[in-house]
mmCIF file of all heavy atoms, coordinates in Angstrom:
data_MODEL
# 
_entry.id   MODEL 
# 
loop_
_atom_site.group_PDB 
_atom_site.id 
_atom_site.type_symbol 
_atom_site.label_atom_id 
_atom_site.label_alt_id 
_atom_site.label_comp_id 
_atom_site.label_asym_id 
_atom_site.label_entity_id 
_atom_site.label_seq_id 
_atom_site.pdbx_PDB_ins_code 
_atom_site.Cartn_x 
_atom_site.Cartn_y 
_atom_site.Cartn_z 
_atom_site.occupancy 
_atom_site.B_iso_or_equiv 
_atom_site.pdbx_formal_charge 
_atom_site.auth_seq_id 
_atom_site.auth_comp_id 
_atom_site.auth_asym_id 
_atom_site.auth_atom_id 
_atom_site.pdbx_PDB_model_num 
ATOM 1   N N   . PRO A 1 1  ? -2.420  60.449 -41.440 1.00 0.00 ? 1  PRO A N   1 
ATOM 2   C CA  . PRO A 1 1  ? -3.540  59.651 -40.946 1.00 0.00 ? 1  PRO A CA  1 
ATOM 3   C C   . PRO A 1 1  ? -4.764  60.508 -40.716 1.00 0.00 ? 1  PRO A C   1 
ATOM 4   O O   . PRO A 1 1  ? -4.681  61.696 -40.388 1.00 0.00 ? 1  PRO A O   1 
ATOM 5   C CB  . PRO A 1 1  ? -3.010  59.102 -39.608 1.00 0.00 ? 1  PRO A CB  1 
ATOM 6   C CG  . PRO A 1 1  ? -2.004  60.136 -39.158 1.00 0.00 ? 1  PRO A CG  1 
ATOM 7   C CD  . PRO A 1 1  ? -1.372  60.643 -40.418 1.00 0.00 ? 1  PRO A CD  1 
ATOM 8   N N   . THR A 1 2  ? -5.939  59.929 -40.911 1.00 0.00 ? 2  THR A N   1 
ATOM 9   C CA  . THR A 1 2  ? -7.187  60.605 -40.612 1.00 0.00 ? 2  THR A CA  1 
ATOM 10  C C   . THR A 1 2  ? -7.654  60.219 -39.209 1.00 0.00 ? 2  THR A C   1 
ATOM 11  O O   . THR A 1 2  ? -7.154  59.253 -38.623 1.00 0.00 ? 2  THR A O   1 
ATOM 12  C CB  . THR A 1 2  ? -8.271  60.251 -41.626 1.00 0.00 ? 2  THR A CB  1 
ATOM 13  O OG1 . THR A 1 2  ? -8.565  58.833 -41.500 1.00 0.00 ? 2  THR A OG1 1 
ATOM 14  C CG2 . THR A 1 2  ? -7.816  60.553 -43.044 1.00 0.00 ? 2  THR A CG2 1 
ATOM 15  N N   . ARG A 1 3  ? -8.636  60.918 -38.714 1.00 0.00 ? 3  ARG A N   1 
ATOM 16  C CA  . ARG A 1 3  ? -9.187  60.553 -37.415 1.00 0.00 ? 3  ARG A CA  1 
ATOM 17  C C   . ARG A 1 3  ? -9.900  59.202 -37.507 1.00 0.00 ? 3  ARG A C   1 
ATOM 18  O O   . ARG A 1 3  ? -9.807  58.379 -36.585 1.00 0.00 ? 3  ARG A O   1 
ATOM 19  C CB  . ARG A 1 3  ? -10.162 61.634 -36.914 1.00 0.00 ? 3  ARG A CB  1 
ATOM 20  C CG  . ARG A 1 3  ? -10.762 61.339 -35.540 1.00 0.00 ? 3  ARG A CG  1 
ATOM 21  C CD  . ARG A 1 3  ? -11.326 62.595 -34.918 1.00 0.00 ? 3  ARG A CD  1 
ATOM 22  N NE  . ARG A 1 3  ? -10.259 63.521 -34.553 1.00 0.00 ? 3  ARG A NE  1 
ATOM 23  C CZ  . ARG A 1 3  ? -9.517  63.430 -33.459 1.00 0.00 ? 3  ARG A CZ  1 
ATOM 24  N NH1 . ARG A 1 3  ? -9.685  62.420 -32.622 1.00 0.00 ? 3  ARG A NH1 1 
ATOM 25  N NH2 . ARG A 1 3  ? -8.588  64.335 -33.199 1.00 0.00 ? 3  ARG A NH2 1 
ATOM 26  N N   . ASP A 1 4  ? -10.587 58.930 -38.607 1.00 0.00 ? 4  ASP A N   1 
ATOM 27  C CA  . ASP A 1 4  ? -11.265 57.664 -38.767 1.00 0.00 ? 4  ASP A CA  1 
ATOM 28  C C   . ASP A 1 4  ? -10.259 56.510 -38.752 1.00 0.00 ? 4  ASP A C   1 
ATOM 29  O O   . ASP A 1 4  ? -10.466 55.495 -38.117 1.00 0.00 ? 4  ASP A O   1 
ATOM 30  C CB  . ASP A 1 4  ? -12.075 57.660 -40.071 1.00 0.00 ? 4  ASP A CB  1 
ATOM 31  C CG  . ASP A 1 4  ? -12.781 56.344 -40.308 1.00 0.00 ? 4  ASP A CG  1 
ATOM 32  O OD1 . ASP A 1 4  ? -13.701 56.019 -39.521 1.00 0.00 ? 4  ASP A OD1 1 
ATOM 33  O OD2 . ASP A 1 4  ? -12.416 55.646 -41.279 1.00 0.00 ? 4  ASP A OD2 1 
ATOM 34  N N   . PHE A 1 5  ? -9.160  56.681 -39.509 1.00 0.00 ? 5  PHE A N   1 
ATOM 35  C CA  . PHE A 1 5  ? -8.114  55.675 -39.519 1.00 0.00 ? 5  PHE A CA  1 
ATOM 36  C C   . PHE A 1 5  ? -7.589  55.421 -38.101 1.00 0.00 ? 5  PHE A C   1 
ATOM 37  O O   . PHE A 1 5  ? -7.407  54.277 -37.673 1.00 0.00 ? 5  PHE A O   1 
ATOM 38  C CB  . PHE A 1 5  ? -6.970  56.155 -40.423 1.00 0.00 ? 5  PHE A CB  1 
ATOM 39  C CG  . PHE A 1 5  ? -5.765  55.229 -40.462 1.00 0.00 ? 5  PHE A CG  1 
ATOM 40  C CD1 . PHE A 1 5  ? -5.644  54.238 -41.403 1.00 0.00 ? 5  PHE A CD1 1 
ATOM 41  C CD2 . PHE A 1 5  ? -4.722  55.410 -39.555 1.00 0.00 ? 5  PHE A CD2 1 
ATOM 42  C CE1 . PHE A 1 5  ? -4.546  53.387 -41.443 1.00 0.00 ? 5  PHE A CE1 1 
ATOM 43  C CE2 . PHE A 1 5  ? -3.618  54.586 -39.557 1.00 0.00 ? 5  PHE A CE2 1 
ATOM 44  C CZ  . PHE A 1 5  ? -3.509  53.562 -40.512 1.00 0.00 ? 5  PHE A CZ  1 
ATOM 45  N N   . SER A 1 6  ? -7.360  56.499 -37.352 1.00 0.00 ? 6  SER A N   1 
ATOM 46  C CA  . SER A 1 6  ? -6.799  56.377 -36.005 1.00 0.00 ? 6  SER A CA  1 
ATOM 47  C C   . SER A 1 6  ? -7.736  55.653 -35.063 1.00 0.00 ? 6  SER A C   1 
ATOM 48  O O   . SER A 1 6  ? -7.303  54.829 -34.258 1.00 0.00 ? 6  SER A O   1 
ATOM 49  C CB  . SER A 1 6  ? -6.493  57.784 -35.466 1.00 0.00 ? 6  SER A CB  1 
ATOM 50  O OG  . SER A 1 6  ? -5.600  58.469 -36.334 1.00 0.00 ? 6  SER A OG  1 
ATOM 51  N N   . GLU A 1 7  ? -9.020  55.937 -35.184 1.00 0.00 ? 7  GLU A N   1 
ATOM 52  C CA  . GLU A 1 7  ? -10.009 55.270 -34.319 1.00 0.00 ? 7  GLU A CA  1 
ATOM 53  C C   . GLU A 1 7  ? -10.070 53.774 -34.640 1.00 0.00 ? 7  GLU A C   1 
ATOM 54  O O   . GLU A 1 7  ? -10.229 52.928 -33.739 1.00 0.00 ? 7  GLU A O   1 
ATOM 55  C CB  . GLU A 1 7  ? -11.353 55.942 -34.466 1.00 0.00 ? 7  GLU A CB  1 
ATOM 56  C CG  . GLU A 1 7  ? -11.407 57.343 -33.878 1.00 0.00 ? 7  GLU A CG  1 
ATOM 57  C CD  . GLU A 1 7  ? -12.663 58.102 -34.203 1.00 0.00 ? 7  GLU A CD  1 
ATOM 58  O OE1 . GLU A 1 7  ? -13.464 57.608 -35.041 1.00 0.00 ? 7  GLU A OE1 1 
ATOM 59  O OE2 . GLU A 1 7  ? -12.840 59.203 -33.622 1.00 0.00 ? 7  GLU A OE2 1 
ATOM 60  N N   . ARG A 1 8  ? -9.957  53.436 -35.928 1.00 0.00 ? 8  ARG A N   1 
ATOM 61  C CA  . ARG A 1 8  ? -9.986  52.035 -36.324 1.00 0.00 ? 8  ARG A CA  1 
ATOM 62  C C   . ARG A 1 8  ? -8.713  51.302 -35.828 1.00 0.00 ? 8  ARG A C   1 
ATOM 63  O O   . ARG A 1 8  ? -8.785  50.162 -35.395 1.00 0.00 ? 8  ARG A O   1 
ATOM 64  C CB  . ARG A 1 8  ? -10.082 51.925 -37.850 1.00 0.00 ? 8  ARG A CB  1 
ATOM 65  C CG  . ARG A 1 8  ? -11.428 52.332 -38.426 1.00 0.00 ? 8  ARG A CG  1 
ATOM 66  C CD  . ARG A 1 8  ? -11.443 52.273 -39.950 1.00 0.00 ? 8  ARG A CD  1 
ATOM 67  N NE  . ARG A 1 8  ? -12.677 52.754 -40.516 1.00 0.00 ? 8  ARG A NE  1 
ATOM 68  C CZ  . ARG A 1 8  ? -13.750 51.992 -40.722 1.00 0.00 ? 8  ARG A CZ  1 
ATOM 69  N NH1 . ARG A 1 8  ? -13.697 50.707 -40.423 1.00 0.00 ? 8  ARG A NH1 1 
ATOM 70  N NH2 . ARG A 1 8  ? -14.851 52.500 -41.239 1.00 0.00 ? 8  ARG A NH2 1 
ATOM 71  N N   . VAL A 1 9  ? -7.588  51.999 -35.885 1.00 0.00 ? 9  VAL A N   1 
ATOM 72  C CA  . VAL A 1 9  ? -6.350  51.383 -35.371 1.00 0.00 ? 9  VAL A CA  1 
ATOM 73  C C   . VAL A 1 9  ? -6.447  51.149 -33.887 1.00 0.00 ? 9  VAL A C   1 
ATOM 74  O O   . VAL A 1 9  ? -6.077  50.074 -33.399 1.00 0.00 ? 9  VAL A O   1 
ATOM 75  C CB  . VAL A 1 9  ? -5.131  52.290 -35.696 1.00 0.00 ? 9  VAL A CB  1 
ATOM 76  C CG1 . VAL A 1 9  ? -3.900  51.829 -34.919 1.00 0.00 ? 9  VAL A CG1 1 
ATOM 77  C CG2 . VAL A 1 9  ? -4.841  52.268 -37.195 1.00 0.00 ? 9  VAL A CG2 1 
ATOM 78  N N   . ASP A 1 10 ? -6.969  52.108 -33.147 1.00 0.00 ? 10 ASP A N   1 
ATOM 79  C CA  . ASP A 1 10 ? -7.120  51.929 -31.702 1.00 0.00 ? 10 ASP A CA  1 
ATOM 80  C C   . ASP A 1 10 ? -8.006  50.719 -31.387 1.00 0.00 ? 10 ASP A C   1 
ATOM 81  O O   . ASP A 1 10 ? -7.702  49.927 -30.493 1.00 0.00 ? 10 ASP A O   1 
ATOM 82  C CB  . ASP A 1 10 ? -7.738  53.181 -31.069 1.00 0.00 ? 10 ASP A CB  1 
ATOM 83  C CG  . ASP A 1 10 ? -6.711  54.274 -30.822 1.00 0.00 ? 10 ASP A CG  1 
ATOM 84  O OD1 . ASP A 1 10 ? -5.552  53.946 -30.535 1.00 0.00 ? 10 ASP A OD1 1 
ATOM 85  O OD2 . ASP A 1 10 ? -7.085  55.446 -30.869 1.00 0.00 ? 10 ASP A OD2 1 
ATOM 86  N N   . ALA A 1 11 ? -9.088  50.565 -32.147 1.00 0.00 ? 11 ALA A N   1 
ATOM 87  C CA  . ALA A 1 11 ? -9.985  49.421 -31.922 1.00 0.00 ? 11 ALA A CA  1 
ATOM 88  C C   . ALA A 1 11 ? -9.315  48.114 -32.276 1.00 0.00 ? 11 ALA A C   1 
ATOM 89  O O   . ALA A 1 11 ? -9.449  47.105 -31.570 1.00 0.00 ? 11 ALA A O   1 
ATOM 90  C CB  . ALA A 1 11 ? -11.259 49.604 -32.751 1.00 0.00 ? 11 ALA A CB  1 
ATOM 91  N N   . ALA A 1 12 ? -8.541  48.124 -33.390 1.00 0.00 ? 12 ALA A N   1 
ATOM 92  C CA  . ALA A 1 12 ? -7.901  46.891 -33.830 1.00 0.00 ? 12 ALA A CA  1 
ATOM 93  C C   . ALA A 1 12 ? -6.761  46.440 -32.949 1.00 0.00 ? 12 ALA A C   1 
ATOM 94  O O   . ALA A 1 12 ? -6.593  45.251 -32.688 1.00 0.00 ? 12 ALA A O   1 
ATOM 95  C CB  . ALA A 1 12 ? -7.390  47.056 -35.253 1.00 0.00 ? 12 ALA A CB  1 
ATOM 96  N N   . LEU A 1 13 ? -5.979  47.409 -32.463 1.00 0.00 ? 13 LEU A N   1 
ATOM 97  C CA  . LEU A 1 13 ? -4.785  47.087 -31.681 1.00 0.00 ? 13 LEU A CA  1 
ATOM 98  C C   . LEU A 1 13 ? -5.005  47.173 -30.181 1.00 0.00 ? 13 LEU A C   1 
ATOM 99  O O   . LEU A 1 13 ? -4.110  46.874 -29.391 1.00 0.00 ? 13 LEU A O   1 
ATOM 100 C CB  . LEU A 1 13 ? -3.648  47.998 -32.073 1.00 0.00 ? 13 LEU A CB  1 
ATOM 101 C CG  . LEU A 1 13 ? -3.181  47.946 -33.563 1.00 0.00 ? 13 LEU A CG  1 
ATOM 102 C CD1 . LEU A 1 13 ? -2.011  48.893 -33.800 1.00 0.00 ? 13 LEU A CD1 1 
ATOM 103 C CD2 . LEU A 1 13 ? -2.825  46.527 -33.959 1.00 0.00 ? 13 LEU A CD2 1 
ATOM 104 N N   . GLY A 1 14 ? -6.185  47.636 -29.744 1.00 0.00 ? 14 GLY A N   1 
ATOM 105 C CA  . GLY A 1 14 ? -6.480  47.752 -28.323 1.00 0.00 ? 14 GLY A CA  1 
ATOM 106 C C   . GLY A 1 14 ? -5.589  48.753 -27.653 1.00 0.00 ? 14 GLY A C   1 
ATOM 107 O O   . GLY A 1 14 ? -5.098  48.509 -26.550 1.00 0.00 ? 14 GLY A O   1 
ATOM 108 N N   . THR A 1 15 ? -5.338  49.892 -28.280 1.00 0.00 ? 15 THR A N   1 
ATOM 109 C CA  . THR A 1 15 ? -4.386  50.876 -27.778 1.00 0.00 ? 15 THR A CA  1 
ATOM 110 C C   . THR A 1 15 ? -5.022  51.984 -26.931 1.00 0.00 ? 15 THR A C   1 
ATOM 111 O O   . THR A 1 15 ? -4.420  53.041 -26.703 1.00 0.00 ? 15 THR A O   1 
ATOM 112 C CB  . THR A 1 15 ? -3.583  51.479 -28.951 1.00 0.00 ? 15 THR A CB  1 
ATOM 113 O OG1 . THR A 1 15 ? -4.449  51.773 -30.057 1.00 0.00 ? 15 THR A OG1 1 
ATOM 114 C CG2 . THR A 1 15 ? -2.511  50.505 -29.401 1.00 0.00 ? 15 THR A CG2 1 
ATOM 115 N N   . ASP A 1 16 ? -6.291  51.794 -26.553 1.00 0.00 ? 16 ASP A N   1 
ATOM 116 C CA  . ASP A 1 16 ? -6.930  52.671 -25.569 1.00 0.00 ? 16 ASP A CA  1 
ATOM 117 C C   . ASP A 1 16 ? -6.904  54.140 -25.970 1.00 0.00 ? 16 ASP A C   1 
ATOM 118 O O   . ASP A 1 16 ? -6.606  55.021 -25.159 1.00 0.00 ? 16 ASP A O   1 
ATOM 119 C CB  . ASP A 1 16 ? -6.252  52.461 -24.195 1.00 0.00 ? 16 ASP A CB  1 
ATOM 120 C CG  . ASP A 1 16 ? -7.056  53.127 -23.072 1.00 0.00 ? 16 ASP A CG  1 
ATOM 121 O OD1 . ASP A 1 16 ? -8.296  53.223 -23.179 1.00 0.00 ? 16 ASP A OD1 1 
ATOM 122 O OD2 . ASP A 1 16 ? -6.433  53.567 -22.073 1.00 0.00 ? 16 ASP A OD2 1 
ATOM 123 N N   . GLY A 1 17 ? -7.186  54.407 -27.237 1.00 0.00 ? 17 GLY A N   1 
ATOM 124 C CA  . GLY A 1 17 ? -7.307  55.792 -27.667 1.00 0.00 ? 17 GLY A CA  1 
ATOM 125 C C   . GLY A 1 17 ? -5.984  56.504 -27.975 1.00 0.00 ? 17 GLY A C   1 
ATOM 126 O O   . GLY A 1 17 ? -5.996  57.701 -28.250 1.00 0.00 ? 17 GLY A O   1 
ATOM 127 N N   . THR A 1 18 ? -4.869  55.772 -27.958 1.00 0.00 ? 18 THR A N   1 
ATOM 128 C CA  . THR A 1 18 ? -3.582  56.406 -28.182 1.00 0.00 ? 18 THR A CA  1 
ATOM 129 C C   . THR A 1 18 ? -3.521  57.128 -29.528 1.00 0.00 ? 18 THR A C   1 
ATOM 130 O O   . THR A 1 18 ? -3.140  58.317 -29.618 1.00 0.00 ? 18 THR A O   1 
ATOM 131 C CB  . THR A 1 18 ? -2.473  55.356 -28.143 1.00 0.00 ? 18 THR A CB  1 
ATOM 132 O OG1 . THR A 1 18 ? -2.370  54.816 -26.826 1.00 0.00 ? 18 THR A OG1 1 
ATOM 133 C CG2 . THR A 1 18 ? -1.100  55.973 -28.526 1.00 0.00 ? 18 THR A CG2 1 
ATOM 134 N N   . PHE A 1 19 ? -3.936  56.471 -30.583 1.00 0.00 ? 19 PHE A N   1 
ATOM 135 C CA  . PHE A 1 19 ? -3.818  57.075 -31.909 1.00 0.00 ? 19 PHE A CA  1 
ATOM 136 C C   . PHE A 1 19 ? -4.903  58.128 -32.147 1.00 0.00 ? 19 PHE A C   1 
ATOM 137 O O   . PHE A 1 19 ? -4.661  59.100 -32.886 1.00 0.00 ? 19 PHE A O   1 
ATOM 138 C CB  . PHE A 1 19 ? -3.837  55.988 -32.997 1.00 0.00 ? 19 PHE A CB  1 
ATOM 139 C CG  . PHE A 1 19 ? -2.620  55.121 -32.938 1.00 0.00 ? 19 PHE A CG  1 
ATOM 140 C CD1 . PHE A 1 19 ? -2.647  53.874 -32.310 1.00 0.00 ? 19 PHE A CD1 1 
ATOM 141 C CD2 . PHE A 1 19 ? -1.433  55.528 -33.489 1.00 0.00 ? 19 PHE A CD2 1 
ATOM 142 C CE1 . PHE A 1 19 ? -1.521  53.079 -32.212 1.00 0.00 ? 19 PHE A CE1 1 
ATOM 143 C CE2 . PHE A 1 19 ? -0.290  54.747 -33.451 1.00 0.00 ? 19 PHE A CE2 1 
ATOM 144 C CZ  . PHE A 1 19 ? -0.323  53.521 -32.787 1.00 0.00 ? 19 PHE A CZ  1 
ATOM 145 N N   . SER A 1 20 ? -6.017  57.976 -31.494 1.00 0.00 ? 20 SER A N   1 
ATOM 146 C CA  . SER A 1 20 ? -7.070  59.026 -31.589 1.00 0.00 ? 20 SER A CA  1 
ATOM 147 C C   . SER A 1 20 ? -6.590  60.296 -30.935 1.00 0.00 ? 20 SER A C   1 
ATOM 148 O O   . SER A 1 20 ? -6.979  61.393 -31.352 1.00 0.00 ? 20 SER A O   1 
ATOM 149 C CB  . SER A 1 20 ? -8.349  58.531 -30.923 1.00 0.00 ? 20 SER A CB  1 
ATOM 150 O OG  . SER A 1 20 ? -8.879  57.385 -31.599 1.00 0.00 ? 20 SER A OG  1 
ATOM 151 N N   . ARG A 1 21 ? -5.761  60.176 -29.893 1.00 0.00 ? 21 ARG A N   1 
ATOM 152 C CA  . ARG A 1 21 ? -5.212  61.400 -29.273 1.00 0.00 ? 21 ARG A CA  1 
ATOM 153 C C   . ARG A 1 21 ? -4.046  61.939 -30.086 1.00 0.00 ? 21 ARG A C   1 
ATOM 154 O O   . ARG A 1 21 ? -3.926  63.155 -30.284 1.00 0.00 ? 21 ARG A O   1 
ATOM 155 C CB  . ARG A 1 21 ? -4.754  61.058 -27.854 1.00 0.00 ? 21 ARG A CB  1 
ATOM 156 C CG  . ARG A 1 21 ? -5.901  60.768 -26.873 1.00 0.00 ? 21 ARG A CG  1 
ATOM 157 C CD  . ARG A 1 21 ? -5.399  60.664 -25.448 1.00 0.00 ? 21 ARG A CD  1 
ATOM 158 N NE  . ARG A 1 21 ? -4.557  59.479 -25.232 1.00 0.00 ? 21 ARG A NE  1 
ATOM 159 C CZ  . ARG A 1 21 ? -5.022  58.277 -24.899 1.00 0.00 ? 21 ARG A CZ  1 
ATOM 160 N NH1 . ARG A 1 21 ? -6.322  58.086 -24.761 1.00 0.00 ? 21 ARG A NH1 1 
ATOM 161 N NH2 . ARG A 1 21 ? -4.193  57.265 -24.732 1.00 0.00 ? 21 ARG A NH2 1 
ATOM 162 N N   . LEU A 1 22 ? -3.210  61.079 -30.604 1.00 0.00 ? 22 LEU A N   1 
ATOM 163 C CA  . LEU A 1 22 ? -2.054  61.545 -31.382 1.00 0.00 ? 22 LEU A CA  1 
ATOM 164 C C   . LEU A 1 22 ? -2.444  62.227 -32.659 1.00 0.00 ? 22 LEU A C   1 
ATOM 165 O O   . LEU A 1 22 ? -1.788  63.171 -33.095 1.00 0.00 ? 22 LEU A O   1 
ATOM 166 C CB  . LEU A 1 22 ? -1.154  60.342 -31.730 1.00 0.00 ? 22 LEU A CB  1 
ATOM 167 C CG  . LEU A 1 22 ? -0.241  59.780 -30.615 1.00 0.00 ? 22 LEU A CG  1 
ATOM 168 C CD1 . LEU A 1 22 ? 0.499   58.575 -31.124 1.00 0.00 ? 22 LEU A CD1 1 
ATOM 169 C CD2 . LEU A 1 22 ? 0.736   60.863 -30.150 1.00 0.00 ? 22 LEU A CD2 1 
ATOM 170 N N   . VAL A 1 23 ? -3.551  61.792 -33.279 1.00 0.00 ? 23 VAL A N   1 
ATOM 171 C CA  . VAL A 1 23 ? -3.892  62.345 -34.600 1.00 0.00 ? 23 VAL A CA  1 
ATOM 172 C C   . VAL A 1 23 ? -4.207  63.824 -34.541 1.00 0.00 ? 23 VAL A C   1 
ATOM 173 O O   . VAL A 1 23 ? -3.970  64.568 -35.473 1.00 0.00 ? 23 VAL A O   1 
ATOM 174 C CB  . VAL A 1 23 ? -5.051  61.542 -35.240 1.00 0.00 ? 23 VAL A CB  1 
ATOM 175 C CG1 . VAL A 1 23 ? -6.394  61.870 -34.607 1.00 0.00 ? 23 VAL A CG1 1 
ATOM 176 C CG2 . VAL A 1 23 ? -5.136  61.810 -36.744 1.00 0.00 ? 23 VAL A CG2 1 
ATOM 177 N N   . GLY A 1 24 ? -4.720  64.291 -33.369 1.00 0.00 ? 24 GLY A N   1 
ATOM 178 C CA  . GLY A 1 24 ? -4.970  65.723 -33.251 1.00 0.00 ? 24 GLY A CA  1 
ATOM 179 C C   . GLY A 1 24 ? -3.692  66.525 -33.365 1.00 0.00 ? 24 GLY A C   1 
ATOM 180 O O   . GLY A 1 24 ? -3.660  67.562 -34.025 1.00 0.00 ? 24 GLY A O   1 
ATOM 181 N N   . LEU A 1 25 ? -2.622  66.037 -32.732 1.00 0.00 ? 25 LEU A N   1 
ATOM 182 C CA  . LEU A 1 25 ? -1.329  66.713 -32.827 1.00 0.00 ? 25 LEU A CA  1 
ATOM 183 C C   . LEU A 1 25 ? -0.775  66.655 -34.245 1.00 0.00 ? 25 LEU A C   1 
ATOM 184 O O   . LEU A 1 25 ? -0.209  67.613 -34.739 1.00 0.00 ? 25 LEU A O   1 
ATOM 185 C CB  . LEU A 1 25 ? -0.337  66.066 -31.849 1.00 0.00 ? 25 LEU A CB  1 
ATOM 186 C CG  . LEU A 1 25 ? -0.661  66.175 -30.359 1.00 0.00 ? 25 LEU A CG  1 
ATOM 187 C CD1 . LEU A 1 25 ? 0.346   65.388 -29.527 1.00 0.00 ? 25 LEU A CD1 1 
ATOM 188 C CD2 . LEU A 1 25 ? -0.695  67.637 -29.924 1.00 0.00 ? 25 LEU A CD2 1 
ATOM 189 N N   . VAL A 1 26 ? -0.946  65.494 -34.891 1.00 0.00 ? 26 VAL A N   1 
ATOM 190 C CA  . VAL A 1 26 ? -0.457  65.325 -36.248 1.00 0.00 ? 26 VAL A CA  1 
ATOM 191 C C   . VAL A 1 26 ? -1.130  66.300 -37.197 1.00 0.00 ? 26 VAL A C   1 
ATOM 192 O O   . VAL A 1 26 ? -0.510  67.000 -37.980 1.00 0.00 ? 26 VAL A O   1 
ATOM 193 C CB  . VAL A 1 26 ? -0.664  63.879 -36.726 1.00 0.00 ? 26 VAL A CB  1 
ATOM 194 C CG1 . VAL A 1 26 ? -0.351  63.776 -38.211 1.00 0.00 ? 26 VAL A CG1 1 
ATOM 195 C CG2 . VAL A 1 26 ? 0.202   62.919 -35.941 1.00 0.00 ? 26 VAL A CG2 1 
ATOM 196 N N   . LEU A 1 27 ? -2.458  66.376 -37.102 1.00 0.00 ? 27 LEU A N   1 
ATOM 197 C CA  . LEU A 1 27 ? -3.192  67.244 -38.002 1.00 0.00 ? 27 LEU A CA  1 
ATOM 198 C C   . LEU A 1 27 ? -2.925  68.710 -37.726 1.00 0.00 ? 27 LEU A C   1 
ATOM 199 O O   . LEU A 1 27 ? -2.806  69.511 -38.679 1.00 0.00 ? 27 LEU A O   1 
ATOM 200 C CB  . LEU A 1 27 ? -4.708  66.941 -37.898 1.00 0.00 ? 27 LEU A CB  1 
ATOM 201 C CG  . LEU A 1 27 ? -5.120  65.566 -38.402 1.00 0.00 ? 27 LEU A CG  1 
ATOM 202 C CD1 . LEU A 1 27 ? -6.592  65.315 -38.144 1.00 0.00 ? 27 LEU A CD1 1 
ATOM 203 C CD2 . LEU A 1 27 ? -4.809  65.381 -39.889 1.00 0.00 ? 27 LEU A CD2 1 
ATOM 204 N N   . ARG A 1 28 ? -2.775  69.093 -36.490 1.00 0.00 ? 28 ARG A N   1 
ATOM 205 C CA  . ARG A 1 28 ? -2.470  70.478 -36.173 1.00 0.00 ? 28 ARG A CA  1 
ATOM 206 C C   . ARG A 1 28 ? -1.109  70.852 -36.739 1.00 0.00 ? 28 ARG A C   1 
ATOM 207 O O   . ARG A 1 28 ? -0.897  71.995 -37.178 1.00 0.00 ? 28 ARG A O   1 
ATOM 208 C CB  . ARG A 1 28 ? -2.538  70.723 -34.685 1.00 0.00 ? 28 ARG A CB  1 
ATOM 209 C CG  . ARG A 1 28 ? -2.301  72.195 -34.310 1.00 0.00 ? 28 ARG A CG  1 
ATOM 210 C CD  . ARG A 1 28 ? -2.823  72.539 -32.961 1.00 0.00 ? 28 ARG A CD  1 
ATOM 211 N NE  . ARG A 1 28 ? -4.271  72.394 -32.937 1.00 0.00 ? 28 ARG A NE  1 
ATOM 212 C CZ  . ARG A 1 28 ? -5.032  72.661 -31.870 1.00 0.00 ? 28 ARG A CZ  1 
ATOM 213 N NH1 . ARG A 1 28 ? -4.482  73.084 -30.776 1.00 0.00 ? 28 ARG A NH1 1 
ATOM 214 N NH2 . ARG A 1 28 ? -6.336  72.485 -31.929 1.00 0.00 ? 28 ARG A NH2 1 
# 
């Protein structure tokens, strides 16, 4: 996943930044 994808998912699912935070760990 990309950061852009993760931010879009958070907005779509109302997950309060969960995927935006997780993507940093994934990419690292």
